[in-house]
């Protein structure tokens, strides 16, 4: 043991007595740095050599012309896309919550357009329904925002324009895949896509209708005067509520179109979807339209009970009754058609039920347009005056009659906030 200790002690003494020459350390440090630099340059050069070797390797198996005219351009495009999307990842992410009028909104739309252009028809339909849902959410945010009335109308108009465009393309594409199921794989794929469209369109319609309801509640105590029907507005300013209703109507028609496709595919091949499921889908849509008709009837009753002025105006009241009567007739026709659709559905006459469904959908929308026309005369006379502090809207030259003709009436001065 003592011998081992002595050897350790001698080693420590030797280490303390030996110190490297400073000049030697300096020269070796410089040599080491030079070797490292040379190694890095060699590796960098080797990278470029490997890139060239790719082309040489491809030339072994492919004709030189193909490599030059096909492979190189394709790989170049792939590289460009990689650079673009790699560099714009942060920008695209930031654009997700942008709204119409924002700087990044065009980036958001461009990204969506790129996705749909690269997708198959079934996937494109699903993507467009997703994007239409985004537009509905944008409308909700815009309506709740504090921007000016004019800017709000402009922003909503842009969002609604893109929403309607997506839904219209979806309807066209549904016809395309319905008539050519071989291209998309099978009839089952068509049915599955149509189910997605039905579900998403219902969600979009409810979202838009709720947006209008919330906006109406928020504006209830505001000094709002007469509502002008868009087609009669001399300034061509489409009101926010009317734009949202138009979008909701397109969503409803898109859902009806999807159901029509589902029924047709079931009739051609009942293995794609069961009769019970088809009947349930049709029945749910009929119930949704029936609920909408009921809401329209409630609006009509509200006009009749609350819009009569304190100072009785016989002319105004008579004109209002003429407008309300066509609405009642249309809602009654819609209710009758809905009942007939239910009867056909109970008899398993799916084609007839879908025809009645389509008719009731149109009638509900016609009733909604007519009930909006009554809002022109729904405001008490005391409120239908020009404000000295608020610019007046151009007077309305006429109102829509039951025949769809614009009949001249006395000028009605209205104001907007």
Protein backbone atom coordinates (compact mmCIF):
# COMPACT_ATOMS: atom_id res chain seq x y z
CA UNK A 1 0.00 0.00 0.00
CA UNK A 2 2.84 2.38 0.93
CA UNK A 3 4.50 1.63 -2.41
CA UNK A 4 1.39 2.72 -4.33
CA UNK A 5 1.20 5.95 -2.34
CA UNK A 6 4.83 6.72 -3.12
CA UNK A 7 4.21 6.30 -6.89
CA UNK A 8 1.18 8.58 -6.81
CA UNK A 9 3.18 11.21 -4.97
CA UNK A 10 5.98 11.01 -7.52
CA UNK A 11 3.52 11.46 -10.40
CA UNK A 12 2.10 14.59 -8.80
CA UNK A 13 5.57 16.01 -8.42
CA UNK A 14 6.39 15.26 -12.05
CA UNK A 15 3.18 17.00 -13.26
CA UNK A 16 4.01 20.10 -11.29
CA UNK A 17 7.51 20.27 -12.71
CA UNK A 18 6.42 19.92 -16.35
CA UNK A 19 4.90 22.99 -18.13
CA UNK A 20 4.38 23.30 -21.93
CA UNK A 21 6.28 25.89 -23.92
CA UNK A 22 4.04 28.94 -24.64
CA UNK A 23 5.32 29.17 -28.24
CA UNK A 24 4.48 25.53 -28.79
CA UNK A 25 0.93 26.10 -27.49
CA UNK A 26 0.41 29.10 -29.80
CA UNK A 27 1.62 27.32 -32.93
CA UNK A 28 -0.43 24.22 -32.27
CA UNK A 29 -3.53 26.33 -31.61
CA UNK A 30 -3.15 28.03 -35.01
CA UNK A 31 -2.67 24.68 -36.73
CA UNK A 32 -5.78 23.30 -35.05
CA UNK A 33 -7.93 26.29 -36.11
CA UNK A 34 -6.67 25.99 -39.70
CA UNK A 35 -7.53 22.29 -39.80
CA UNK A 36 -11.06 22.97 -38.54
CA UNK A 37 -11.60 25.67 -41.21
CA UNK A 38 -10.40 23.38 -43.96
CA UNK A 39 -12.69 20.62 -42.76
CA UNK A 40 -15.77 22.91 -42.83
CA UNK A 41 -15.03 24.15 -46.36
CA UNK A 42 -14.55 20.59 -47.53
CA UNK A 43 -17.91 19.59 -46.09
CA UNK A 44 -19.60 22.58 -47.73
CA UNK A 45 -18.07 21.73 -51.08
CA UNK A 46 -19.07 18.12 -50.66
CA UNK A 47 -22.71 19.24 -50.24
CA UNK A 48 -22.72 20.94 -53.63
CA UNK A 49 -21.00 17.95 -55.15
CA UNK A 50 -23.75 15.71 -53.81
CA UNK A 51 -26.41 17.97 -55.39
CA UNK A 52 -24.75 17.65 -58.77
CA UNK A 53 -24.48 13.93 -58.28
CA UNK A 54 -28.28 13.79 -58.07
CA UNK A 55 -28.56 14.95 -61.66
CA UNK A 56 -25.80 12.56 -62.75
CA UNK A 57 -27.57 9.73 -61.00
CA UNK A 58 -30.87 10.54 -62.71
CA UNK A 59 -29.18 10.66 -66.11
CA UNK A 60 -28.15 7.03 -65.68
CA UNK A 61 -31.79 5.89 -65.59
CA UNK A 62 -33.57 8.66 -67.53
CA UNK A 63 -32.98 10.27 -70.91
CA UNK A 64 -31.02 13.50 -70.65
CA UNK A 65 -33.85 15.48 -72.23
CA UNK A 66 -36.31 14.26 -69.62
CA UNK A 67 -33.95 15.27 -66.86
CA UNK A 68 -33.45 18.69 -68.40
CA UNK A 69 -37.01 19.48 -69.42
CA UNK A 70 -39.10 17.64 -66.84
CA UNK A 71 -37.26 16.64 -63.68
CA UNK A 72 -35.32 19.87 -63.17
CA UNK A 73 -38.37 22.17 -63.55
CA UNK A 74 -40.46 19.99 -61.26
CA UNK A 75 -37.82 19.97 -58.55
CA UNK A 76 -37.30 23.70 -59.01
CA UNK A 77 -41.00 24.36 -58.47
CA UNK A 78 -40.96 22.13 -55.39
CA UNK A 79 -38.01 24.08 -54.05
CA UNK A 80 -39.77 27.39 -54.67
CA UNK A 81 -42.91 26.19 -52.90
CA UNK A 82 -40.78 25.02 -50.02
CA UNK A 83 -39.14 28.42 -49.71
CA UNK A 84 -42.44 30.29 -50.01
CA UNK A 85 -44.40 28.23 -47.52
CA UNK A 86 -41.44 27.82 -45.23
CA UNK A 87 -40.91 31.57 -45.10
CA UNK A 88 -44.61 32.42 -44.89
CA UNK A 89 -45.60 29.96 -42.21
CA UNK A 90 -45.69 32.66 -39.56
CA UNK A 91 -47.59 35.05 -41.84
CA UNK A 92 -50.20 32.45 -42.72
CA UNK A 93 -50.70 31.60 -39.05
CA UNK A 94 -51.09 35.27 -38.20
CA UNK A 95 -53.65 35.73 -40.99
CA UNK A 96 -55.99 33.06 -39.59
CA UNK A 97 -57.88 35.52 -37.38
CA UNK A 98 -57.86 38.37 -39.90
CA UNK A 99 -61.11 39.94 -41.13
CA UNK A 100 -62.12 41.60 -44.41
CA UNK A 101 -60.26 44.87 -44.75
CA UNK A 102 -57.27 43.66 -42.71
CA UNK A 103 -53.83 43.59 -44.32
CA UNK A 104 -53.45 39.81 -43.93
CA UNK A 105 -56.95 38.88 -45.11
CA UNK A 106 -55.77 38.42 -48.70
CA UNK A 107 -53.11 36.00 -47.42
CA UNK A 108 -55.82 34.03 -45.65
CA UNK A 109 -57.91 33.77 -48.83
CA UNK A 110 -54.88 32.91 -50.96
CA UNK A 111 -53.96 30.08 -48.61
CA UNK A 112 -57.48 28.68 -48.80
CA UNK A 113 -57.51 29.00 -52.58
CA UNK A 114 -54.26 27.05 -52.77
CA UNK A 115 -55.75 24.26 -50.64
CA UNK A 116 -58.86 23.90 -52.79
CA UNK A 117 -56.89 23.97 -56.05
CA UNK A 118 -54.76 21.02 -54.92
CA UNK A 119 -57.64 18.95 -53.50
CA UNK A 120 -59.80 16.32 -55.16
CA UNK A 121 -63.46 17.21 -55.80
CA UNK A 122 -64.76 15.51 -52.61
CA UNK A 123 -62.03 17.11 -50.50
CA UNK A 124 -62.58 20.47 -52.18
CA UNK A 125 -66.25 20.34 -51.21
CA UNK A 126 -65.36 19.65 -47.58
CA UNK A 127 -62.77 22.44 -47.58
CA UNK A 128 -65.17 24.96 -49.07
CA UNK A 129 -67.78 24.12 -46.44
CA UNK A 130 -65.12 24.68 -43.78
CA UNK A 131 -64.15 28.01 -45.33
CA UNK A 132 -67.80 29.06 -45.61
CA UNK A 133 -68.05 28.38 -41.88
CA UNK A 134 -65.09 30.68 -41.34
CA UNK A 135 -66.83 33.42 -43.31
CA UNK A 136 -69.91 33.03 -41.08
CA UNK A 137 -67.70 33.47 -38.01
CA UNK A 138 -66.12 36.53 -39.61
CA UNK A 139 -69.56 38.03 -40.17
CA UNK A 140 -70.39 37.46 -36.50
CA UNK A 141 -67.20 39.24 -35.39
CA UNK A 142 -67.75 42.13 -37.78
CA UNK A 143 -71.35 42.68 -36.66
CA UNK A 144 -70.20 42.75 -33.02
CA UNK A 145 -67.31 45.12 -33.77
CA UNK A 146 -67.28 48.86 -33.11
CA UNK A 147 -66.42 49.95 -36.65
CA UNK A 148 -68.56 52.53 -38.40
CA UNK A 149 -71.81 51.55 -40.09
CA UNK A 150 -70.39 52.03 -43.59
CA UNK A 151 -67.25 49.99 -42.87
CA UNK A 152 -69.32 47.29 -41.23
CA UNK A 153 -71.51 47.02 -44.33
CA UNK A 154 -68.44 46.84 -46.57
CA UNK A 155 -66.72 44.18 -44.46
CA UNK A 156 -69.86 42.06 -44.17
CA UNK A 157 -70.46 42.39 -47.90
CA UNK A 158 -66.99 41.02 -48.69
CA UNK A 159 -67.28 38.12 -46.24
CA UNK A 160 -70.75 37.24 -47.54
CA UNK A 161 -69.54 37.41 -51.14
CA UNK A 162 -66.86 34.78 -50.47
CA UNK A 163 -69.26 32.68 -48.39
CA UNK A 164 -71.88 32.59 -51.14
CA UNK A 165 -69.24 31.82 -53.75
CA UNK A 166 -67.98 28.82 -51.78
CA UNK A 167 -71.50 27.47 -51.32
CA UNK A 168 -72.36 27.95 -54.98
CA UNK A 169 -69.22 26.04 -56.02
CA UNK A 170 -70.18 23.30 -53.56
CA UNK A 171 -73.59 22.90 -55.21
CA UNK A 172 -71.99 22.64 -58.66
CA UNK A 173 -69.43 20.13 -57.41
CA UNK A 174 -72.15 18.03 -55.78
CA UNK A 175 -73.73 17.62 -59.19
CA UNK A 176 -70.35 16.76 -60.65
CA UNK A 177 -69.52 13.95 -58.23
CA UNK A 178 -73.14 12.75 -58.19
CA UNK A 179 -73.10 12.18 -61.93
CA UNK A 180 -69.61 10.69 -62.01
CA UNK A 181 -69.08 8.58 -58.86
CA UNK A 182 -66.42 6.47 -60.60
CA UNK A 183 -64.05 9.45 -60.61
CA UNK A 184 -64.38 9.97 -56.85
CA UNK A 185 -64.12 6.29 -56.01
CA UNK A 186 -67.64 5.15 -55.16
CA UNK A 187 -71.20 6.24 -54.49
CA UNK A 188 -70.46 5.93 -50.78
CA UNK A 189 -67.94 8.75 -51.06
CA UNK A 190 -70.62 10.93 -52.68
CA UNK A 191 -73.08 10.20 -49.88
CA UNK A 192 -70.50 10.87 -47.16
CA UNK A 193 -69.59 14.20 -48.72
CA UNK A 194 -73.27 15.17 -49.07
CA UNK A 195 -73.80 14.41 -45.38
CA UNK A 196 -70.96 16.77 -44.49
CA UNK A 197 -72.51 19.48 -46.66
CA UNK A 198 -75.91 19.01 -45.02
CA UNK A 199 -74.45 19.23 -41.53
CA UNK A 200 -72.14 22.17 -42.20
CA UNK A 201 -74.75 24.16 -44.14
CA UNK A 202 -77.17 23.81 -41.23
CA UNK A 203 -74.51 25.05 -38.81
CA UNK A 204 -73.70 28.01 -41.06
CA UNK A 205 -77.37 28.93 -41.48
CA UNK A 206 -77.98 28.82 -37.71
CA UNK A 207 -74.86 30.89 -37.06
CA UNK A 208 -75.91 33.58 -39.53
CA UNK A 209 -79.49 33.70 -38.24
CA UNK A 210 -78.22 33.97 -34.66
CA UNK A 211 -75.92 36.79 -35.72
CA UNK A 212 -78.90 38.73 -37.06
CA UNK A 213 -80.91 38.01 -33.93
CA UNK A 214 -78.11 39.20 -31.65
CA UNK A 215 -77.63 42.33 -33.75
CA UNK A 216 -81.35 43.12 -33.56
CA UNK A 217 -81.36 42.72 -29.78
CA UNK A 218 -78.29 44.93 -29.43
CA UNK A 219 -79.89 47.63 -31.58
CA UNK A 220 -83.31 47.42 -29.92
CA UNK A 221 -82.77 50.46 -27.70
CA UNK A 222 -80.87 52.44 -30.33
CA UNK A 223 -82.62 55.33 -32.11
CA UNK A 224 -83.22 53.26 -35.24
CA UNK A 225 -85.84 54.48 -37.68
CA UNK A 226 -87.42 52.72 -40.68
CA UNK A 227 -85.74 49.74 -42.31
CA UNK A 228 -85.36 50.17 -46.05
CA UNK A 229 -85.66 47.24 -48.45
CA UNK A 230 -82.28 46.99 -50.25
CA UNK A 231 -83.67 47.01 -53.82
CA UNK A 232 -85.44 50.30 -53.09
CA UNK A 233 -82.38 52.07 -51.68
CA UNK A 234 -81.29 54.72 -54.16
CA UNK A 235 -77.72 54.61 -52.83
CA UNK A 236 -77.46 50.84 -53.50
CA UNK A 237 -76.36 50.32 -49.92
CA UNK A 238 -77.21 46.77 -48.92
CA UNK A 239 -77.95 46.69 -45.21
CA UNK A 240 -76.00 44.30 -43.02
CA UNK A 241 -79.09 42.36 -41.94
CA UNK A 242 -80.14 41.80 -45.55
CA UNK A 243 -76.68 40.58 -46.54
CA UNK A 244 -76.64 38.10 -43.68
CA UNK A 245 -80.12 36.85 -44.59
CA UNK A 246 -79.05 36.34 -48.19
CA UNK A 247 -76.11 34.24 -47.03
CA UNK A 248 -78.35 32.20 -44.71
CA UNK A 249 -80.74 31.55 -47.62
CA UNK A 250 -77.88 30.26 -49.78
CA UNK A 251 -76.78 28.00 -46.92
CA UNK A 252 -80.32 26.61 -46.64
CA UNK A 253 -80.48 25.88 -50.38
CA UNK A 254 -77.07 24.20 -50.22
CA UNK A 255 -78.33 21.89 -47.49
CA UNK A 256 -81.43 21.04 -49.52
CA UNK A 257 -79.20 20.25 -52.50
CA UNK A 258 -77.11 17.89 -50.38
CA UNK A 259 -80.23 16.06 -49.20
CA UNK A 260 -81.40 15.72 -52.78
CA UNK A 261 -78.08 14.02 -53.64
CA UNK A 262 -78.35 11.68 -50.64
CA UNK A 263 -81.86 10.61 -51.64
CA UNK A 264 -80.86 10.04 -55.27
CA UNK A 265 -77.92 7.88 -54.24
CA UNK A 266 -80.10 5.89 -51.85
CA UNK A 267 -82.63 5.29 -54.62
CA UNK A 268 -79.86 4.06 -56.92
CA UNK A 269 -78.09 1.94 -54.31
CA UNK A 270 -79.66 1.55 -50.87
CA UNK A 271 -76.42 0.10 -49.50
CA UNK A 272 -74.86 3.58 -49.40
CA UNK A 273 -77.31 4.84 -46.77
CA UNK A 274 -80.30 3.24 -45.10
CA UNK A 275 -83.88 4.36 -45.71
CA UNK A 276 -84.30 5.17 -42.02
CA UNK A 277 -81.31 7.49 -42.06
CA UNK A 278 -82.49 9.20 -45.25
CA UNK A 279 -85.94 9.78 -43.78
CA UNK A 280 -84.38 11.18 -40.62
CA UNK A 281 -82.23 13.61 -42.62
CA UNK A 282 -85.21 14.82 -44.67
CA UNK A 283 -87.41 15.10 -41.59
CA UNK A 284 -84.83 17.21 -39.74
CA UNK A 285 -84.65 19.66 -42.62
CA UNK A 286 -88.45 19.88 -42.80
CA UNK A 287 -88.56 20.66 -39.07
CA UNK A 288 -85.94 23.39 -39.49
CA UNK A 289 -87.93 25.06 -42.27
CA UNK A 290 -91.15 24.74 -40.24
CA UNK A 291 -89.43 26.51 -37.35
CA UNK A 292 -88.37 29.30 -39.69
CA UNK A 293 -91.94 29.72 -40.97
CA UNK A 294 -93.20 29.93 -37.39
CA UNK A 295 -90.70 32.69 -36.63
CA UNK A 296 -91.90 34.63 -39.67
CA UNK A 297 -95.51 34.32 -38.47
CA UNK A 298 -94.46 35.67 -35.09
CA UNK A 299 -92.85 38.68 -36.77
CA UNK A 300 -96.05 39.37 -38.69
CA UNK A 301 -98.11 39.24 -35.50
CA UNK A 302 -95.65 41.60 -33.84
CA UNK A 303 -96.03 44.11 -36.67
CA UNK A 304 -99.81 43.99 -36.44
CA UNK A 305 -99.93 44.52 -32.66
CA UNK A 306 -97.10 47.03 -32.16
CA UNK A 307 -96.84 49.13 -35.31
CA UNK A 308 -100.24 50.85 -35.16
CA UNK A 309 -99.50 54.53 -34.45
CA UNK A 310 -100.98 56.31 -31.47
CA UNK A 311 -102.33 58.93 -33.82
CA UNK A 312 -104.47 56.74 -36.03
CA UNK A 313 -103.36 56.91 -39.69
CA UNK A 314 -105.88 55.10 -41.89
CA UNK A 315 -103.78 55.24 -45.06
CA UNK A 316 -100.68 53.84 -43.35
CA UNK A 317 -102.66 51.09 -41.63
CA UNK A 318 -104.40 50.05 -44.85
CA UNK A 319 -101.09 49.90 -46.72
CA UNK A 320 -99.58 47.82 -43.93
CA UNK A 321 -102.46 45.34 -44.01
CA UNK A 322 -102.00 44.92 -47.76
CA UNK A 323 -98.37 43.98 -47.17
CA UNK A 324 -99.07 41.66 -44.25
CA UNK A 325 -101.75 39.69 -46.06
CA UNK A 326 -99.39 38.30 -48.77
CA UNK A 327 -96.96 37.24 -46.04
CA UNK A 328 -99.70 35.31 -44.29
CA UNK A 329 -100.72 33.67 -47.55
CA UNK A 330 -97.14 32.59 -48.25
CA UNK A 331 -96.58 31.20 -44.76
CA UNK A 332 -99.83 29.25 -45.01
CA UNK A 333 -98.71 27.83 -48.36
CA UNK A 334 -95.36 26.87 -46.82
CA UNK A 335 -97.06 25.13 -43.88
CA UNK A 336 -99.36 23.21 -46.23
CA UNK A 337 -96.40 22.09 -48.34
CA UNK A 338 -94.49 21.01 -45.24
CA UNK A 339 -97.44 18.89 -44.12
CA UNK A 340 -97.62 17.28 -47.55
CA UNK A 341 -93.89 16.55 -47.40
CA UNK A 342 -94.31 14.84 -44.04
CA UNK A 343 -97.14 12.73 -45.45
CA UNK A 344 -95.06 11.65 -48.44
CA UNK A 345 -92.16 10.83 -46.15
CA UNK A 346 -94.39 8.65 -43.98
CA UNK A 347 -95.41 6.74 -47.11
CA UNK A 348 -91.72 6.25 -48.04
CA UNK A 349 -92.23 8.36 -51.17
CA UNK A 350 -88.79 9.92 -50.88
CA UNK A 351 -88.71 11.64 -54.27
CA UNK A 352 -92.07 13.31 -53.65
CA UNK A 353 -90.98 14.30 -50.15
CA UNK A 354 -87.82 15.94 -51.49
CA UNK A 355 -89.84 17.84 -54.11
CA UNK A 356 -92.10 19.21 -51.36
CA UNK A 357 -89.01 19.99 -49.28
CA UNK A 358 -87.59 22.10 -52.08
CA UNK A 359 -90.91 23.91 -52.54
CA UNK A 360 -91.27 24.67 -48.83
CA UNK A 361 -87.70 25.97 -48.72
CA UNK A 362 -88.42 28.45 -51.50
CA UNK A 363 -91.73 29.50 -49.92
CA UNK A 364 -90.05 30.17 -46.58
CA UNK A 365 -87.54 32.44 -48.26
CA UNK A 366 -90.26 34.28 -50.20
CA UNK A 367 -92.16 34.81 -46.96
CA UNK A 368 -89.04 36.19 -45.32
CA UNK A 369 -88.55 38.70 -48.14
CA UNK A 370 -92.17 39.81 -47.90
CA UNK A 371 -92.07 40.19 -44.15
CA UNK A 372 -89.00 42.40 -44.49
CA UNK A 373 -90.97 44.61 -46.87
CA UNK A 374 -93.55 45.24 -44.15
CA UNK A 375 -90.85 46.80 -41.99
CA UNK A 376 -91.07 49.88 -44.15
CA UNK A 377 -94.49 50.59 -42.64
CA UNK A 378 -93.87 48.94 -39.28
CA UNK A 379 -92.45 52.09 -37.67
CA UNK A 380 -94.88 54.39 -35.83
CA UNK A 381 -95.56 57.68 -37.59
CA UNK A 382 -94.03 59.64 -34.71
CA UNK A 383 -90.66 58.02 -35.45
CA UNK A 384 -90.79 58.34 -39.24
CA UNK A 385 -89.37 61.87 -39.36
CA UNK A 386 -86.22 63.42 -40.67
CA UNK A 387 -83.62 64.10 -38.00
CA UNK A 388 -81.93 67.47 -37.82
CA UNK A 389 -78.72 65.92 -36.55
CA UNK A 390 -78.60 62.78 -38.70
CA UNK A 391 -78.45 62.77 -42.51
CA UNK A 392 -81.62 61.45 -44.12
CA UNK A 393 -81.73 58.46 -46.43
CA UNK A 394 -83.27 59.13 -49.87
CA UNK A 395 -87.03 58.66 -49.78
CA UNK A 396 -88.49 55.31 -50.82
CA UNK A 397 -90.41 55.61 -54.11
CA UNK A 398 -92.58 52.53 -53.60
CA UNK A 399 -93.17 49.22 -51.91
CA UNK A 400 -93.30 45.65 -53.15
CA UNK A 401 -96.82 44.33 -53.74
CA UNK A 402 -97.97 40.71 -53.64
CA UNK A 403 -97.36 40.49 -57.39
CA UNK A 404 -93.78 41.61 -57.00
CA UNK A 405 -94.43 45.01 -58.65
CA UNK A 406 -93.09 48.17 -57.05
CA UNK A 407 -96.18 50.32 -56.51
CA UNK A 408 -95.77 54.06 -55.89
CA UNK A 409 -96.61 55.29 -52.42
CA UNK A 410 -96.32 58.52 -50.53
CA UNK A 411 -92.71 59.40 -49.83
CA UNK A 412 -91.51 58.00 -46.53
CA UNK A 413 -88.65 59.95 -44.98
CA UNK A 414 -86.29 57.72 -43.05
CA UNK A 415 -83.14 58.23 -41.10
CA UNK A 416 -80.22 56.04 -40.24
CA UNK A 417 -77.83 56.22 -37.41
